[in-house]
Amino acid sequence: MYLAKVHIVLKPVVNDPQGLTIKSALHNLGFSLVSGVRAGKYIEIKVATEEQDNAQEQVDEMCRKLLANPVIEQYSFTIEKISSV
């Protein structure tokens, strides 16, 4: 069994209103050194297979078909082997 850790963020050319709001709030709290914030999604997926290549292919397909919008988002993920408990 494998655990996929998926990170999805807006592409750099896409406006990020949530990131701008977070940046403003951080400045209001006194964190004046913050120069930029980009918000995104983090998803963990357990894949029940013993083959790492199969897990990677499945997760990549999940990201392309459902989890990320390829027009405005980019994604990356890592795969690690875990016990099946």
N, C-alpha and C. Protein backbone atom coordinates (compact mmCIF):
# COMPACT_ATOMS: atom_id res chain seq x y z
N MET A 1 0.85 -1.17 0.00
CA MET A 1 0.00 0.00 0.00
C MET A 1 0.89 1.24 0.00
N TYR A 2 0.42 2.26 -0.68
CA TYR A 2 1.17 3.51 -0.78
C TYR A 2 0.31 4.69 -0.33
N LEU A 3 0.99 5.70 0.19
CA LEU A 3 0.34 6.95 0.58
C LEU A 3 0.83 8.03 -0.36
N ALA A 4 -0.11 8.67 -1.04
CA ALA A 4 0.21 9.79 -1.92
C ALA A 4 -0.10 11.08 -1.19
N LYS A 5 0.84 12.00 -1.22
CA LYS A 5 0.65 13.34 -0.65
C LYS A 5 0.63 14.32 -1.81
N VAL A 6 -0.58 14.86 -2.07
CA VAL A 6 -0.81 15.68 -3.26
C VAL A 6 -0.91 17.15 -2.86
N HIS A 7 -0.17 17.99 -3.56
CA HIS A 7 -0.22 19.45 -3.36
C HIS A 7 -0.75 20.08 -4.65
N ILE A 8 -1.79 20.89 -4.51
CA ILE A 8 -2.39 21.56 -5.66
C ILE A 8 -2.40 23.06 -5.39
N VAL A 9 -1.84 23.83 -6.32
CA VAL A 9 -1.81 25.29 -6.17
C VAL A 9 -2.21 25.93 -7.49
N LEU A 10 -2.64 27.17 -7.40
CA LEU A 10 -2.94 27.93 -8.61
C LEU A 10 -1.65 28.18 -9.38
N LYS A 11 -1.75 28.21 -10.69
CA LYS A 11 -0.59 28.55 -11.51
C LYS A 11 -0.16 29.98 -11.18
N PRO A 12 1.14 30.28 -11.31
CA PRO A 12 1.63 31.62 -10.94
C PRO A 12 0.94 32.77 -11.66
N VAL A 13 0.43 32.55 -12.87
CA VAL A 13 -0.21 33.63 -13.62
C VAL A 13 -1.67 33.85 -13.23
N VAL A 14 -2.21 33.00 -12.36
CA VAL A 14 -3.62 33.09 -11.95
C VAL A 14 -3.72 33.91 -10.67
N ASN A 15 -4.62 34.89 -10.65
CA ASN A 15 -4.86 35.70 -9.46
C ASN A 15 -5.33 34.81 -8.31
N ASP A 16 -4.83 35.07 -7.11
CA ASP A 16 -5.17 34.26 -5.93
C ASP A 16 -5.79 35.15 -4.86
N PRO A 17 -7.10 35.41 -4.93
CA PRO A 17 -7.73 36.30 -3.95
C PRO A 17 -7.64 35.77 -2.51
N GLN A 18 -7.68 34.46 -2.34
CA GLN A 18 -7.55 33.90 -0.99
C GLN A 18 -6.15 34.18 -0.44
N GLY A 19 -5.14 34.01 -1.26
CA GLY A 19 -3.78 34.31 -0.85
C GLY A 19 -3.60 35.78 -0.48
N LEU A 20 -4.21 36.67 -1.27
CA LEU A 20 -4.13 38.10 -0.98
C LEU A 20 -4.81 38.44 0.34
N THR A 21 -5.94 37.79 0.62
CA THR A 21 -6.65 38.01 1.88
C THR A 21 -5.82 37.53 3.06
N ILE A 22 -5.20 36.37 2.92
CA ILE A 22 -4.34 35.84 3.99
C ILE A 22 -3.16 36.78 4.22
N LYS A 23 -2.54 37.25 3.14
CA LYS A 23 -1.41 38.17 3.26
C LYS A 23 -1.83 39.43 4.01
N SER A 24 -2.97 39.99 3.66
CA SER A 24 -3.46 41.20 4.32
C SER A 24 -3.71 40.94 5.81
N ALA A 25 -4.32 39.80 6.12
CA ALA A 25 -4.58 39.47 7.53
C ALA A 25 -3.28 39.29 8.31
N LEU A 26 -2.29 38.67 7.69
CA LEU A 26 -1.00 38.51 8.36
C LEU A 26 -0.35 39.86 8.62
N HIS A 27 -0.43 40.77 7.66
CA HIS A 27 0.10 42.12 7.86
C HIS A 27 -0.62 42.81 9.02
N ASN A 28 -1.95 42.65 9.07
CA ASN A 28 -2.74 43.26 10.15
C ASN A 28 -2.36 42.69 11.52
N LEU A 29 -1.86 41.45 11.54
CA LEU A 29 -1.45 40.83 12.80
C LEU A 29 0.01 41.15 13.15
N GLY A 30 0.65 41.97 12.32
CA GLY A 30 2.01 42.40 12.61
C GLY A 30 3.10 41.63 11.88
N PHE A 31 2.74 40.75 10.99
CA PHE A 31 3.74 39.99 10.22
C PHE A 31 4.08 40.74 8.94
N SER A 32 4.76 41.85 9.11
CA SER A 32 5.01 42.76 7.98
C SER A 32 6.06 42.22 7.00
N LEU A 33 6.79 41.20 7.36
CA LEU A 33 7.81 40.64 6.47
C LEU A 33 7.23 39.73 5.40
N VAL A 34 5.95 39.38 5.51
CA VAL A 34 5.31 38.51 4.51
C VAL A 34 5.16 39.29 3.22
N SER A 35 5.76 38.79 2.15
CA SER A 35 5.71 39.51 0.88
C SER A 35 4.78 38.84 -0.14
N GLY A 36 4.31 37.64 0.16
CA GLY A 36 3.38 36.98 -0.76
C GLY A 36 2.84 35.70 -0.16
N VAL A 37 1.62 35.37 -0.53
CA VAL A 37 0.98 34.14 -0.06
C VAL A 37 0.22 33.53 -1.23
N ARG A 38 0.37 32.24 -1.42
CA ARG A 38 -0.41 31.49 -2.40
C ARG A 38 -1.12 30.38 -1.62
N ALA A 39 -2.43 30.30 -1.74
CA ALA A 39 -3.20 29.26 -1.06
C ALA A 39 -3.40 28.08 -2.00
N GLY A 40 -3.55 26.90 -1.43
CA GLY A 40 -3.74 25.71 -2.24
C GLY A 40 -4.46 24.62 -1.46
N LYS A 41 -4.35 23.40 -1.99
CA LYS A 41 -4.99 22.24 -1.37
C LYS A 41 -3.94 21.17 -1.10
N TYR A 42 -4.14 20.42 -0.03
CA TYR A 42 -3.30 19.28 0.30
C TYR A 42 -4.23 18.09 0.49
N ILE A 43 -3.94 16.99 -0.19
CA ILE A 43 -4.80 15.80 -0.14
C ILE A 43 -3.91 14.58 0.07
N GLU A 44 -4.32 13.69 0.98
CA GLU A 44 -3.64 12.41 1.17
C GLU A 44 -4.54 11.30 0.63
N ILE A 45 -3.95 10.41 -0.14
CA ILE A 45 -4.70 9.31 -0.76
C ILE A 45 -3.95 8.01 -0.51
N LYS A 46 -4.64 7.01 0.02
CA LYS A 46 -4.05 5.69 0.17
C LYS A 46 -4.42 4.87 -1.05
N VAL A 47 -3.42 4.25 -1.65
CA VAL A 47 -3.61 3.44 -2.86
C VAL A 47 -3.22 2.01 -2.53
N ALA A 48 -4.19 1.09 -2.66
CA ALA A 48 -3.97 -0.31 -2.30
C ALA A 48 -3.35 -1.08 -3.45
N THR A 49 -2.05 -0.95 -3.58
CA THR A 49 -1.29 -1.69 -4.58
C THR A 49 0.09 -1.96 -4.01
N GLU A 50 0.76 -2.97 -4.50
CA GLU A 50 2.12 -3.26 -4.06
C GLU A 50 3.16 -2.71 -5.04
N GLU A 51 2.69 -2.13 -6.16
CA GLU A 51 3.60 -1.63 -7.18
C GLU A 51 3.62 -0.10 -7.16
N GLN A 52 4.80 0.46 -6.91
CA GLN A 52 4.92 1.91 -6.83
C GLN A 52 4.56 2.59 -8.15
N ASP A 53 4.99 2.01 -9.27
CA ASP A 53 4.66 2.60 -10.57
C ASP A 53 3.15 2.68 -10.78
N ASN A 54 2.44 1.66 -10.37
CA ASN A 54 0.98 1.64 -10.49
C ASN A 54 0.36 2.74 -9.63
N ALA A 55 0.86 2.88 -8.41
CA ALA A 55 0.34 3.93 -7.52
C ALA A 55 0.57 5.31 -8.13
N GLN A 56 1.77 5.54 -8.67
CA GLN A 56 2.08 6.84 -9.28
C GLN A 56 1.18 7.12 -10.48
N GLU A 57 0.97 6.12 -11.32
CA GLU A 57 0.11 6.31 -12.49
C GLU A 57 -1.32 6.62 -12.06
N GLN A 58 -1.82 5.89 -11.05
CA GLN A 58 -3.19 6.11 -10.58
C GLN A 58 -3.36 7.51 -10.01
N VAL A 59 -2.42 7.95 -9.18
CA VAL A 59 -2.53 9.27 -8.56
C VAL A 59 -2.43 10.37 -9.61
N ASP A 60 -1.52 10.21 -10.56
CA ASP A 60 -1.41 11.20 -11.63
C ASP A 60 -2.72 11.31 -12.40
N GLU A 61 -3.34 10.18 -12.69
CA GLU A 61 -4.62 10.19 -13.41
C GLU A 61 -5.72 10.84 -12.57
N MET A 62 -5.73 10.56 -11.26
CA MET A 62 -6.72 11.19 -10.36
C MET A 62 -6.58 12.70 -10.39
N CYS A 63 -5.34 13.17 -10.35
CA CYS A 63 -5.10 14.62 -10.37
C CYS A 63 -5.57 15.23 -11.69
N ARG A 64 -5.23 14.58 -12.80
CA ARG A 64 -5.61 15.11 -14.11
C ARG A 64 -7.12 15.10 -14.34
N LYS A 65 -7.81 14.05 -13.86
CA LYS A 65 -9.23 13.89 -14.15
C LYS A 65 -10.17 14.55 -13.14
N LEU A 66 -9.72 14.72 -11.89
CA LEU A 66 -10.65 15.20 -10.87
C LEU A 66 -10.08 16.23 -9.91
N LEU A 67 -8.92 15.96 -9.36
CA LEU A 67 -8.45 16.75 -8.22
C LEU A 67 -7.96 18.15 -8.60
N ALA A 68 -7.35 18.30 -9.75
CA ALA A 68 -6.81 19.61 -10.16
C ALA A 68 -7.47 20.06 -11.46
N ASN A 69 -7.67 21.36 -11.57
CA ASN A 69 -8.16 21.95 -12.80
C ASN A 69 -6.93 22.37 -13.61
N PRO A 70 -6.60 21.64 -14.68
CA PRO A 70 -5.35 21.89 -15.40
C PRO A 70 -5.27 23.27 -16.06
N VAL A 71 -6.39 23.94 -16.20
CA VAL A 71 -6.37 25.27 -16.81
C VAL A 71 -5.77 26.31 -15.86
N ILE A 72 -6.08 26.19 -14.56
CA ILE A 72 -5.64 27.20 -13.60
C ILE A 72 -4.77 26.66 -12.47
N GLU A 73 -4.65 25.34 -12.35
CA GLU A 73 -3.90 24.77 -11.23
C GLU A 73 -2.77 23.87 -11.71
N GLN A 74 -1.77 23.73 -10.86
CA GLN A 74 -0.70 22.77 -11.10
C GLN A 74 -0.62 21.88 -9.86
N TYR A 75 -0.13 20.68 -10.06
CA TYR A 75 -0.07 19.75 -8.93
C TYR A 75 1.27 19.03 -8.91
N SER A 76 1.59 18.54 -7.71
CA SER A 76 2.75 17.68 -7.52
C SER A 76 2.38 16.70 -6.42
N PHE A 77 3.06 15.57 -6.40
CA PHE A 77 2.78 14.61 -5.35
C PHE A 77 4.00 13.75 -5.07
N THR A 78 4.00 13.19 -3.87
CA THR A 78 5.01 12.21 -3.49
C THR A 78 4.28 10.93 -3.13
N ILE A 79 4.97 9.83 -3.28
CA ILE A 79 4.41 8.50 -2.95
C ILE A 79 5.35 7.85 -1.95
N GLU A 80 4.78 7.30 -0.88
CA GLU A 80 5.60 6.55 0.05
C GLU A 80 4.91 5.26 0.43
N LYS A 81 5.68 4.20 0.60
CA LYS A 81 5.15 2.90 0.96
C LYS A 81 4.77 2.93 2.44
N ILE A 82 3.59 2.41 2.75
CA ILE A 82 3.12 2.34 4.13
C ILE A 82 2.62 0.93 4.40
N SER A 83 2.47 0.60 5.66
CA SER A 83 1.90 -0.71 6.00
C SER A 83 0.41 -0.67 5.69
N SER A 84 -0.16 -1.81 5.41
CA SER A 84 -1.57 -1.86 4.99
C SER A 84 -2.54 -1.88 6.15
N VAL A 85 -2.09 -1.52 7.34
CA VAL A 85 -2.95 -1.51 8.51
C VAL A 85 -3.88 -0.33 8.49
